[in-house]
Each structure stands twice: as structure tokens, then as C-alpha cells.
Amino acid sequence: MPYDIEDRLIQTPRPVRGQLPLRELQSSGDIRILIVDDDPATCSVIQAALANRDFQTEIVSDPMMVEAAVKGSQYHLIILDYVLPGLEAEQVFTWIREAQPDAKVVVVTGYPSVDSALSCLRARTHDYLTKPFQVDHLREIVFRCLEEKGLLRMTEEALRESLGSAIRERRKALGLTLSNMSDRTGVSLGYLSQIELGKNSASIETLYRICLALGMKMSELFQSVQRI
């Protein structure tokens, strides 16, 4: 079914379960994003969803300008409408592959099909999103993509809070008290409490002791704080 502007879910972006607000993420510099869609309204919705001081977004809604845009400035991320009047998706992917080898591509389409999905897989696009889409979902995909490229990362404060929360949930799931943890780790009860509250950073050695007491690997602990 074709994408109708009236069907779009335009919502005020809000964090979904497991998602960190953008204020809890920090960038390594300016992030350049190209938005390509022949519907200017869709471009505006995407641009508004990604509004941030560290994001430099450019919009192309004229299919005749796509080649020049792709072969112009370098981008970290390209959000691309799969169906552009007068253009073949394979040709656009070729332009991107040749001119933007380091850019990640997120495809959006109002005409989902097996053929288009396979074409995106062959082009090694980062994700394939069908219209109408929820703004929160798009933001989550974009944030994940930029994190994977090392362009976004959790702030130190957010990391402390997330680690503390993960430790607390694991401890409670095992039926352990802070006093039990102190006995098992040799770490003072007050320090453990501050770690769980995200008020203090734990050393690698302390985290290792905590993980041993909780019966988990350190890698599992850090994986648990990643946004899902």
C-alpha cells in the first residue's frame, strides 16, 4: 500500500523502553546526515526527529539533485527513500558505494517487497524501515547506527547510572542484600551503595569482584547496559 502523508505517525520524540535520551549520549564531533525523499514533508519530519546541535542534516527532495548530493559532501549517515521517481535504487546504491564508502545507509520505503529487501541486503544497508514509521523507532535506529560507528557514546554519568542499575537488578534477582555483596566482594557497603546509585565510578578490579559475586562475566555486565 503506498505511503500516504495522512497516515504518518508524527509524534513528539520520547525515549522508548531501553533507550537513552539523546542528552545522555555524547558525540565525537559534528555528525553529517543526508536525508533523501521525494516528499518534502517526510524530509521535514525526519529532520525534526533528528534535531540536535551535533547533527548537520541536509535534505534532498528533488530526485534530479540526488546524484550531485551523494557525490558532493561526505556524510556519516544517509537516510534514503527506496523509490525515487526517475531513479533506479540500484543506481543510487552505486553512487553511494562509490562516493560515500564510509557512510551507513538506512532505507525507508512505502512500497515494501521481498525484491527491495533483497536489494538492500545486497547493498549492505544498515536497516530497512517501512512507512509509515514511528519517529521513536527511526531515532533509535539512527542512534544505534551512529553508536556502532563510534560517533555517539554514553556520557560518563549515564554509564555509571546504567551500570549501577544493572548491578542492582542482578543482585535483587539473586536475592542478595548489599551486606551480602560486601561480604562476598570485600568492598565496603557504602561504596557498593554509591556504585549502585551511579554516584561513584567503580574500578575494573571492583567491577570484577562484583561480577564474581553475581556469577556473571564482565562482558555480560557491559552488554546489559547497552540500549536494546
Foldseek 3Di string as FASTA:
>chain_A
DFFDPVPADQDDADADPLGDPCVQKDFPAAAEEEEEALDVVVVVSLCVLPDDPRYDYDYDNQPVCLLVVLQDDEHQEYEEECDDPPDHNVVSLVSNCVRHVNHAYEYEYQDDDPVSVVVCVVSVHQYYHYPSDDSNVVVVSVVVSCVVVVGMDGDLLLQQQLLLCLLVVLCVVVVHDLVNLCVQQVDDSVVNVCSNNSNDDDDPSSLCSSCVSSVHDPVVSSVSSHGD
